[in-house]
Amino acid sequence: MTILEKIVAYKKKEVAKIKSEVPVQKLVESPNFKRTPFSLKKSLLEVGSTGIIAEFKRQSPSKGIINDKADILEVTNGYLDANVAAQSILTDTHFFGGTMVDLMKARSINEVKPILRKDFVVDGFQIVEAKAIGADVILLIAACLTKEELKNYGQLATDLGMDVLYEIHTQEELDKIDAHDKIIGINNRNLNTFKVDLEHSIELASKIPDSCIKVSESGISDPKIIMGLKQYGFQGFLIGENFMKTDNPGQACKEFVGQL
């Protein structure tokens, strides 16, 4: 089994358990459910946007522990100070050491920028849950969903007023998405091997229609890379480990943005 297959198998069990314990009605009644989500699309396209989607990530299957000392409130404030376009927060616990509480805490102090719930969506329940905990954007990973699921889950998120970041790594995955007017993230890291390949992403970007917003994810460690990616039409840049591996992720992000 690849790492991705392992994660998805585990996630399906985890979600089934939560679904049996938490009624959807309870999610719908939560205070966050009533707020109007911020638009990631708008945030990435506005004049002067840094395009940076700064991530909070404690660990990953490929790197192990990245930063288990960082405080979500401090990092959120640091990212907001750095004027990021959006925040991304891992809510997967088993593989990435994140929690839904991380996102709820960030939301309690972030009243201006969109928050992406970074997780492995395998069930519509998680999308309703994402809105209930205060997320504005969900991630749909084409590698672990069918064409039908991508369409239905995307529609559900849209109906709830949320944006969707569709993540792809291959042409086959792009073909599963009705790529019109969508936010499409190209993961520079192959989720099966966890190797990073920017050339591959640039090649794939040329196949994405111009009506879409292109986001580059993973392995961005230098502001110069962003300059290069912008020439290929990328407008969003998801960066996590590069900031999180430092003692002060917010400050690292600020210095990075200062060089753009």
C-alpha atoms as a PDB file:
ATOM      1  CA  MET A   1       0.000   0.000   0.000  1.00  0.00           C
ATOM      2  CA  THR A   2       1.183   3.543  -0.748  1.00  0.00           C
ATOM      3  CA  ILE A   3       1.162   6.142   2.035  1.00  0.00           C
ATOM      4  CA  LEU A   4      -1.889   7.747   0.439  1.00  0.00           C
ATOM      5  CA  GLU A   5      -3.804   4.451   0.375  1.00  0.00           C
ATOM      6  CA  LYS A   6      -2.956   3.875   4.038  1.00  0.00           C
ATOM      7  CA  ILE A   7      -4.164   7.365   4.970  1.00  0.00           C
ATOM      8  CA  VAL A   8      -7.421   6.959   3.047  1.00  0.00           C
ATOM      9  CA  ALA A   9      -8.162   3.534   4.549  1.00  0.00           C
ATOM     10  CA  TYR A  10      -7.558   4.888   8.046  1.00  0.00           C
ATOM     11  CA  LYS A  11      -9.585   8.039   7.331  1.00  0.00           C
ATOM     12  CA  LYS A  12     -12.635   6.057   6.183  1.00  0.00           C
ATOM     13  CA  LYS A  13     -12.702   4.169   9.491  1.00  0.00           C
ATOM     14  CA  GLU A  14     -12.129   7.351  11.478  1.00  0.00           C
ATOM     15  CA  VAL A  15     -14.960   9.219   9.731  1.00  0.00           C
ATOM     16  CA  ALA A  16     -17.367   6.304  10.112  1.00  0.00           C
ATOM     17  CA  LYS A  17     -16.730   6.389  13.870  1.00  0.00           C
ATOM     18  CA  ILE A  18     -17.258  10.168  14.142  1.00  0.00           C
ATOM     19  CA  LYS A  19     -20.415   9.955  12.021  1.00  0.00           C
ATOM     20  CA  SER A  20     -21.842   7.369  14.410  1.00  0.00           C
ATOM     21  CA  GLU A  21     -21.195   9.706  17.355  1.00  0.00           C
ATOM     22  CA  VAL A  22     -21.947  13.189  15.991  1.00  0.00           C
ATOM     23  CA  PRO A  23     -25.289  13.948  14.311  1.00  0.00           C
ATOM     24  CA  VAL A  24     -25.086  16.274  11.286  1.00  0.00           C
ATOM     25  CA  GLN A  25     -27.760  18.419  12.935  1.00  0.00           C
ATOM     26  CA  LYS A  26     -25.315  19.207  15.739  1.00  0.00           C
ATOM     27  CA  LEU A  27     -22.780  20.496  13.193  1.00  0.00           C
ATOM     28  CA  VAL A  28     -25.376  22.618  11.439  1.00  0.00           C
ATOM     29  CA  GLU A  29     -26.320  24.232  14.746  1.00  0.00           C
ATOM     30  CA  SER A  30     -22.755  25.274  15.608  1.00  0.00           C
ATOM     31  CA  PRO A  31     -22.083  29.062  15.609  1.00  0.00           C
ATOM     32  CA  ASN A  32     -19.467  28.886  12.829  1.00  0.00           C
ATOM     33  CA  PHE A  33     -21.996  27.307  10.514  1.00  0.00           C
ATOM     34  CA  LYS A  34     -23.846  30.616  10.298  1.00  0.00           C
ATOM     35  CA  ARG A  35     -20.857  32.737   9.267  1.00  0.00           C
ATOM     36  CA  THR A  36     -20.264  33.607   5.631  1.00  0.00           C
ATOM     37  CA  PRO A  37     -16.962  31.996   4.586  1.00  0.00           C
ATOM     38  CA  PHE A  38     -14.148  34.127   3.185  1.00  0.00           C
ATOM     39  CA  SER A  39     -13.331  33.518  -0.472  1.00  0.00           C
ATOM     40  CA  LEU A  40      -9.928  32.014  -1.255  1.00  0.00           C
ATOM     41  CA  LYS A  41     -10.430  32.938  -4.890  1.00  0.00           C
ATOM     42  CA  LYS A  42     -10.903  36.592  -3.994  1.00  0.00           C
ATOM     43  CA  SER A  43      -7.965  36.581  -1.602  1.00  0.00           C
ATOM     44  CA  LEU A  44      -5.602  35.144  -4.234  1.00  0.00           C
ATOM     45  CA  LEU A  45      -6.779  37.486  -6.972  1.00  0.00           C
ATOM     46  CA  GLU A  46      -6.887  40.773  -5.092  1.00  0.00           C
ATOM     47  CA  VAL A  47      -4.371  43.425  -6.079  1.00  0.00           C
ATOM     48  CA  GLY A  48      -1.198  43.151  -4.026  1.00  0.00           C
ATOM     49  CA  SER A  49      -1.977  39.632  -2.773  1.00  0.00           C
ATOM     50  CA  THR A  50       1.133  37.742  -1.667  1.00  0.00           C
ATOM     51  CA  GLY A  51      -0.500  34.555  -2.963  1.00  0.00           C
ATOM     52  CA  ILE A  52       0.939  32.704   0.024  1.00  0.00           C
ATOM     53  CA  ILE A  53      -1.202  30.028   1.665  1.00  0.00           C
ATOM     54  CA  ALA A  54       0.783  29.454   4.854  1.00  0.00           C
ATOM     55  CA  GLU A  55       0.370  26.097   6.506  1.00  0.00           C
ATOM     56  CA  PHE A  56       0.418  24.906  10.097  1.00  0.00           C
ATOM     57  CA  LYS A  57       1.794  21.372  10.122  1.00  0.00           C
ATOM     58  CA  ARG A  58       3.424  19.555  13.033  1.00  0.00           C
ATOM     59  CA  GLN A  59       4.532  16.395  11.263  1.00  0.00           C
ATOM     60  CA  SER A  60       4.126  14.379   8.067  1.00  0.00           C
ATOM     61  CA  PRO A  61       4.548  10.745   7.009  1.00  0.00           C
ATOM     62  CA  SER A  62       7.558  11.608   4.850  1.00  0.00           C
ATOM     63  CA  LYS A  63       9.395  13.932   7.255  1.00  0.00           C
ATOM     64  CA  GLY A  64       8.311  12.751  10.697  1.00  0.00           C
ATOM     65  CA  ILE A  65       8.206  15.544  13.307  1.00  0.00           C
ATOM     66  CA  ILE A  66       8.648  18.986  11.732  1.00  0.00           C
ATOM     67  CA  ASN A  67       7.691  21.131  14.715  1.00  0.00           C
ATOM     68  CA  ASP A  68       5.860  19.840  17.772  1.00  0.00           C
ATOM     69  CA  LYS A  69       6.534  22.966  19.868  1.00  0.00           C
ATOM     70  CA  ALA A  70       4.754  25.598  17.764  1.00  0.00           C
ATOM     71  CA  ASP A  71       1.656  27.253  19.169  1.00  0.00           C
ATOM     72  CA  ILE A  72      -1.237  27.637  16.725  1.00  0.00           C
ATOM     73  CA  LEU A  73      -2.243  31.074  18.069  1.00  0.00           C
ATOM     74  CA  GLU A  74       1.278  32.491  17.830  1.00  0.00           C
ATOM     75  CA  VAL A  75       1.812  31.079  14.359  1.00  0.00           C
ATOM     76  CA  THR A  76      -1.587  32.336  13.166  1.00  0.00           C
ATOM     77  CA  ASN A  77      -0.772  35.841  14.385  1.00  0.00           C
ATOM     78  CA  GLY A  78       2.635  35.638  12.709  1.00  0.00           C
ATOM     79  CA  TYR A  79       1.128  34.529   9.403  1.00  0.00           C
ATOM     80  CA  LEU A  80      -1.478  37.290   9.534  1.00  0.00           C
ATOM     81  CA  ASP A  81       1.287  39.822  10.260  1.00  0.00           C
ATOM     82  CA  ALA A  82       3.113  38.560   7.205  1.00  0.00           C
ATOM     83  CA  ASN A  83      -0.020  39.339   5.177  1.00  0.00           C
ATOM     84  CA  VAL A  84      -0.563  35.834   3.840  1.00  0.00           C
ATOM     85  CA  ALA A  85      -3.426  35.316   1.389  1.00  0.00           C
ATOM     86  CA  ALA A  86      -4.757  32.398   3.432  1.00  0.00           C
ATOM     87  CA  GLN A  87      -3.991  29.879   6.131  1.00  0.00           C
ATOM     88  CA  SER A  88      -3.909  26.115   5.733  1.00  0.00           C
ATOM     89  CA  ILE A  89      -4.313  23.953   8.812  1.00  0.00           C
ATOM     90  CA  LEU A  90      -3.820  20.206   8.982  1.00  0.00           C
ATOM     91  CA  THR A  91      -6.656  18.601  10.936  1.00  0.00           C
ATOM     92  CA  ASP A  92      -5.536  14.996  10.474  1.00  0.00           C
ATOM     93  CA  THR A  93      -4.242  13.668  13.789  1.00  0.00           C
ATOM     94  CA  HIS A  94      -2.965  10.165  13.094  1.00  0.00           C
ATOM     95  CA  PHE A  95      -0.522  11.010  10.297  1.00  0.00           C
ATOM     96  CA  PHE A  96       0.021  14.768  10.593  1.00  0.00           C
ATOM     97  CA  GLY A  97      -0.447  15.508  14.303  1.00  0.00           C
ATOM     98  CA  GLY A  98      -3.109  18.146  13.667  1.00  0.00           C
ATOM     99  CA  THR A  99      -6.534  18.535  15.251  1.00  0.00           C
ATOM    100  CA  MET A 100      -9.827  20.241  14.524  1.00  0.00           C
ATOM    101  CA  VAL A 101      -9.168  22.300  17.659  1.00  0.00           C
ATOM    102  CA  ASP A 102      -6.137  23.849  15.916  1.00  0.00           C
ATOM    103  CA  LEU A 103      -8.424  25.191  13.218  1.00  0.00           C
ATOM    104  CA  MET A 104     -11.029  26.404  15.705  1.00  0.00           C
ATOM    105  CA  LYS A 105      -8.356  28.245  17.710  1.00  0.00           C
ATOM    106  CA  ALA A 106      -6.949  29.879  14.574  1.00  0.00           C
ATOM    107  CA  ARG A 107     -10.437  30.923  13.491  1.00  0.00           C
ATOM    108  CA  SER A 108     -11.042  32.530  16.891  1.00  0.00           C
ATOM    109  CA  ILE A 109      -8.307  35.102  16.163  1.00  0.00           C
ATOM    110  CA  ASN A 110      -8.246  35.124  12.356  1.00  0.00           C
ATOM    111  CA  GLU A 111     -11.205  37.239  11.318  1.00  0.00           C
ATOM    112  CA  VAL A 112      -9.835  38.423   7.983  1.00  0.00           C
ATOM    113  CA  LYS A 113      -8.310  35.625   5.892  1.00  0.00           C
ATOM    114  CA  PRO A 114      -9.620  32.330   4.540  1.00  0.00           C
ATOM    115  CA  ILE A 115      -8.667  29.104   6.302  1.00  0.00           C
ATOM    116  CA  LEU A 116      -8.223  25.889   4.355  1.00  0.00           C
ATOM    117  CA  ARG A 117      -9.023  22.717   6.243  1.00  0.00           C
ATOM    118  CA  LYS A 118      -6.195  20.455   5.059  1.00  0.00           C
ATOM    119  CA  ASP A 119      -7.394  16.905   5.404  1.00  0.00           C
ATOM    120  CA  PHE A 120      -8.303  13.865   3.364  1.00  0.00           C
ATOM    121  CA  VAL A 121     -11.967  14.174   2.437  1.00  0.00           C
ATOM    122  CA  VAL A 122     -13.549  10.769   1.858  1.00  0.00           C
ATOM    123  CA  ASP A 123     -17.091  11.607   2.947  1.00  0.00           C
ATOM    124  CA  GLY A 124     -19.492  14.550   2.597  1.00  0.00           C
ATOM    125  CA  PHE A 125     -19.792  14.608   6.396  1.00  0.00           C
ATOM    126  CA  GLN A 126     -16.273  16.082   6.624  1.00  0.00           C
ATOM    127  CA  ILE A 127     -17.325  19.031   4.456  1.00  0.00           C
ATOM    128  CA  VAL A 128     -20.230  19.913   6.753  1.00  0.00           C
ATOM    129  CA  GLU A 129     -17.830  19.413   9.674  1.00  0.00           C
ATOM    130  CA  ALA A 130     -15.286  21.747   8.035  1.00  0.00           C
ATOM    131  CA  LYS A 131     -17.825  24.546   7.895  1.00  0.00           C
ATOM    132  CA  ALA A 132     -18.892  23.861  11.485  1.00  0.00           C
ATOM    133  CA  ILE A 133     -15.333  24.266  12.807  1.00  0.00           C
ATOM    134  CA  GLY A 134     -14.850  27.544  10.927  1.00  0.00           C
ATOM    135  CA  ALA A 135     -13.089  26.564   7.705  1.00  0.00           C
ATOM    136  CA  ASP A 136     -13.646  28.560   4.509  1.00  0.00           C
ATOM    137  CA  VAL A 137     -12.045  26.167   2.048  1.00  0.00           C
ATOM    138  CA  ILE A 138     -11.799  22.405   1.757  1.00  0.00           C
ATOM    139  CA  LEU A 139      -9.277  20.245  -0.058  1.00  0.00           C
ATOM    140  CA  LEU A 140     -10.379  17.551  -2.495  1.00  0.00           C
ATOM    141  CA  ILE A 141      -7.530  15.271  -3.559  1.00  0.00           C
ATOM    142  CA  ALA A 142      -8.210  13.834  -6.994  1.00  0.00           C
ATOM    143  CA  ALA A 143      -5.866  10.898  -6.382  1.00  0.00           C
ATOM    144  CA  CYS A 144      -8.186   9.428  -3.762  1.00  0.00           C
ATOM    145  CA  LEU A 145     -11.612  10.320  -5.149  1.00  0.00           C
ATOM    146  CA  THR A 146     -13.635   9.265  -8.180  1.00  0.00           C
ATOM    147  CA  LYS A 147     -14.835  11.719 -10.809  1.00  0.00           C
ATOM    148  CA  GLU A 148     -18.333  11.419  -9.343  1.00  0.00           C
ATOM    149  CA  GLU A 149     -17.148  12.066  -5.766  1.00  0.00           C
ATOM    150  CA  LEU A 150     -15.132  15.108  -6.867  1.00  0.00           C
ATOM    151  CA  LYS A 151     -18.220  16.528  -8.525  1.00  0.00           C
ATOM    152  CA  ASN A 152     -20.603  15.791  -5.629  1.00  0.00           C
ATOM    153  CA  TYR A 153     -18.282  16.903  -2.837  1.00  0.00           C
ATOM    154  CA  GLY A 154     -17.338  20.017  -4.795  1.00  0.00           C
ATOM    155  CA  GLN A 155     -21.009  20.847  -5.225  1.00  0.00           C
ATOM    156  CA  LEU A 156     -21.738  20.285  -1.546  1.00  0.00           C
ATOM    157  CA  ALA A 157     -18.941  22.663  -0.518  1.00  0.00           C
ATOM    158  CA  THR A 158     -20.145  25.266  -3.016  1.00  0.00           C
ATOM    159  CA  ASP A 159     -23.715  24.942  -1.720  1.00  0.00           C
ATOM    160  CA  LEU A 160     -22.364  25.629   1.778  1.00  0.00           C
ATOM    161  CA  GLY A 161     -20.646  28.785   0.503  1.00  0.00           C
ATOM    162  CA  MET A 162     -17.130  27.347   0.722  1.00  0.00           C
ATOM    163  CA  ASP A 163     -14.330  27.337  -1.813  1.00  0.00           C
ATOM    164  CA  VAL A 164     -12.652  24.131  -2.958  1.00  0.00           C
ATOM    165  CA  LEU A 165      -8.984  23.540  -3.663  1.00  0.00           C
ATOM    166  CA  TYR A 166      -8.803  20.590  -6.059  1.00  0.00           C
ATOM    167  CA  GLU A 167      -5.436  18.903  -5.752  1.00  0.00           C
ATOM    168  CA  ILE A 168      -3.854  17.043  -8.643  1.00  0.00           C
ATOM    169  CA  HIS A 169      -0.480  15.582  -9.563  1.00  0.00           C
ATOM    170  CA  THR A 170      -1.114  13.982 -12.977  1.00  0.00           C
ATOM    171  CA  GLN A 171      -2.994  14.536 -16.237  1.00  0.00           C
ATOM    172  CA  GLU A 172      -5.318  11.617 -15.356  1.00  0.00           C
ATOM    173  CA  GLU A 173      -6.274  13.370 -12.135  1.00  0.00           C
ATOM    174  CA  LEU A 174      -6.871  16.665 -13.934  1.00  0.00           C
ATOM    175  CA  ASP A 175      -9.162  14.811 -16.355  1.00  0.00           C
ATOM    176  CA  LYS A 176     -11.384  13.766 -13.436  1.00  0.00           C
ATOM    177  CA  ILE A 177     -12.239  17.412 -12.689  1.00  0.00           C
ATOM    178  CA  ASP A 178     -14.574  19.663 -14.621  1.00  0.00           C
ATOM    179  CA  ALA A 179     -11.782  22.225 -14.808  1.00  0.00           C
ATOM    180  CA  HIS A 180     -13.745  25.379 -15.432  1.00  0.00           C
ATOM    181  CA  ASP A 181     -13.434  28.322 -13.070  1.00  0.00           C
ATOM    182  CA  LYS A 182     -11.919  26.172 -10.305  1.00  0.00           C
ATOM    183  CA  ILE A 183      -8.996  26.575  -7.905  1.00  0.00           C
ATOM    184  CA  ILE A 184      -6.576  23.834  -8.876  1.00  0.00           C
ATOM    185  CA  GLY A 185      -3.574  22.950  -6.782  1.00  0.00           C
ATOM    186  CA  ILE A 186      -0.728  21.053  -8.339  1.00  0.00           C
ATOM    187  CA  ASN A 187       1.116  19.098  -5.711  1.00  0.00           C
ATOM    188  CA  ASN A 188       4.800  19.202  -6.597  1.00  0.00           C
ATOM    189  CA  ARG A 189       5.190  16.171  -4.356  1.00  0.00           C
ATOM    190  CA  ASN A 190       4.118  12.827  -5.711  1.00  0.00           C
ATOM    191  CA  LEU A 191       1.888  11.448  -2.941  1.00  0.00           C
ATOM    192  CA  ASN A 192       2.937   7.899  -3.718  1.00  0.00           C
ATOM    193  CA  THR A 193       6.689   8.452  -3.548  1.00  0.00           C
ATOM    194  CA  PHE A 194       6.749  11.837  -1.749  1.00  0.00           C
ATOM    195  CA  LYS A 195       9.405  13.121  -4.215  1.00  0.00           C
ATOM    196  CA  VAL A 196       9.234  16.776  -5.313  1.00  0.00           C
ATOM    197  CA  ASP A 197       9.339  17.662  -9.024  1.00  0.00           C
ATOM    198  CA  LEU A 198       8.698  21.282 -10.047  1.00  0.00           C
ATOM    199  CA  GLU A 199       9.306  20.678 -13.753  1.00  0.00           C
ATOM    200  CA  HIS A 200       6.479  18.162 -13.780  1.00  0.00           C
ATOM    201  CA  SER A 201       4.128  20.720 -12.202  1.00  0.00           C
ATOM    202  CA  ILE A 202       5.000  23.417 -14.728  1.00  0.00           C
ATOM    203  CA  GLU A 203       4.316  20.952 -17.529  1.00  0.00           C
ATOM    204  CA  LEU A 204       0.937  20.034 -16.006  1.00  0.00           C
ATOM    205  CA  ALA A 205       0.022  23.688 -15.390  1.00  0.00           C
ATOM    206  CA  SER A 206       0.003  24.323 -19.134  1.00  0.00           C
ATOM    207  CA  LYS A 207      -2.922  21.869 -19.442  1.00  0.00           C
ATOM    208  CA  ILE A 208      -5.129  23.757 -16.971  1.00  0.00           C
ATOM    209  CA  PRO A 209      -7.650  26.162 -18.559  1.00  0.00           C
ATOM    210  CA  ASP A 210      -7.091  29.893 -18.019  1.00  0.00           C
ATOM    211  CA  SER A 211     -10.443  30.239 -16.238  1.00  0.00           C
ATOM    212  CA  CYS A 212      -8.882  28.389 -13.283  1.00  0.00           C
ATOM    213  CA  ILE A 213      -6.644  29.703 -10.517  1.00  0.00           C
ATOM    214  CA  LYS A 214      -3.440  27.679 -10.293  1.00  0.00           C
ATOM    215  CA  VAL A 215      -1.888  26.939  -6.923  1.00  0.00           C
ATOM    216  CA  SER A 216       1.535  25.373  -6.447  1.00  0.00           C
ATOM    217  CA  GLU A 217       1.872  23.107  -3.417  1.00  0.00           C
ATOM    218  CA  SER A 218       4.889  21.567  -1.638  1.00  0.00           C
ATOM    219  CA  GLY A 219       8.628  21.936  -1.865  1.00  0.00           C
ATOM    220  CA  ILE A 220       8.702  25.741  -2.234  1.00  0.00           C
ATOM    221  CA  SER A 221      11.727  26.793  -0.208  1.00  0.00           C
ATOM    222  CA  ASP A 222      12.890  29.968  -1.913  1.00  0.00           C
ATOM    223  CA  PRO A 223      11.102  33.193  -2.942  1.00  0.00           C
ATOM    224  CA  LYS A 224      12.873  32.896  -6.330  1.00  0.00           C
ATOM    225  CA  ILE A 225      10.864  29.740  -7.040  1.00  0.00           C
ATOM    226  CA  ILE A 226       7.685  31.811  -6.708  1.00  0.00           C
ATOM    227  CA  MET A 227       8.961  34.376  -9.206  1.00  0.00           C
ATOM    228  CA  GLY A 228       9.551  31.518 -11.628  1.00  0.00           C
ATOM    229  CA  LEU A 229       6.180  29.864 -11.014  1.00  0.00           C
ATOM    230  CA  LYS A 230       4.326  33.148 -11.542  1.00  0.00           C
ATOM    231  CA  GLN A 231       5.623  33.179 -15.119  1.00  0.00           C
ATOM    232  CA  TYR A 232       3.743  29.925 -15.674  1.00  0.00           C
ATOM    233  CA  GLY A 233       0.475  31.372 -14.410  1.00  0.00           C
ATOM    234  CA  PHE A 234       0.549  30.255 -10.784  1.00  0.00           C
ATOM    235  CA  GLN A 235      -1.197  32.673  -8.416  1.00  0.00           C
ATOM    236  CA  GLY A 236      -1.221  30.708  -5.169  1.00  0.00           C
ATOM    237  CA  PHE A 237       1.648  29.080  -3.293  1.00  0.00           C
ATOM    238  CA  LEU A 238       1.046  26.673  -0.458  1.00  0.00           C
ATOM    239  CA  ILE A 239       4.024  26.611   1.898  1.00  0.00           C
ATOM    240  CA  GLY A 240       4.216  24.739   5.170  1.00  0.00           C
ATOM    241  CA  GLU A 241       7.363  22.896   6.065  1.00  0.00           C
ATOM    242  CA  ASN A 242       9.644  25.740   4.975  1.00  0.00           C
ATOM    243  CA  PHE A 243       8.124  27.942   7.700  1.00  0.00           C
ATOM    244  CA  MET A 244       7.255  25.262  10.238  1.00  0.00           C
ATOM    245  CA  LYS A 245      10.755  23.813  10.444  1.00  0.00           C
ATOM    246  CA  THR A 246      11.972  27.082  12.031  1.00  0.00           C
ATOM    247  CA  ASP A 247      11.633  28.174  15.663  1.00  0.00           C
ATOM    248  CA  ASN A 248       9.369  31.042  14.637  1.00  0.00           C
ATOM    249  CA  PRO A 249       7.217  30.099  11.615  1.00  0.00           C
ATOM    250  CA  GLY A 250       5.438  33.477  11.550  1.00  0.00           C
ATOM    251  CA  GLN A 251       8.711  35.379  11.418  1.00  0.00           C
ATOM    252  CA  ALA A 252      10.087  32.999   8.769  1.00  0.00           C
ATOM    253  CA  CYS A 253       6.988  33.660   6.694  1.00  0.00           C
ATOM    254  CA  LYS A 254       7.342  37.411   7.110  1.00  0.00           C
ATOM    255  CA  GLU A 255      10.980  37.331   5.953  1.00  0.00           C
ATOM    256  CA  PHE A 256      10.042  35.112   3.003  1.00  0.00           C
ATOM    257  CA  VAL A 257       7.215  37.466   1.934  1.00  0.00           C
ATOM    258  CA  GLY A 258       9.601  40.415   2.331  1.00  0.00           C
ATOM    259  CA  GLN A 259      11.765  38.956  -0.432  1.00  0.00           C
ATOM    260  CA  LEU A 260       8.936  38.574  -2.939  1.00  0.00           C
END
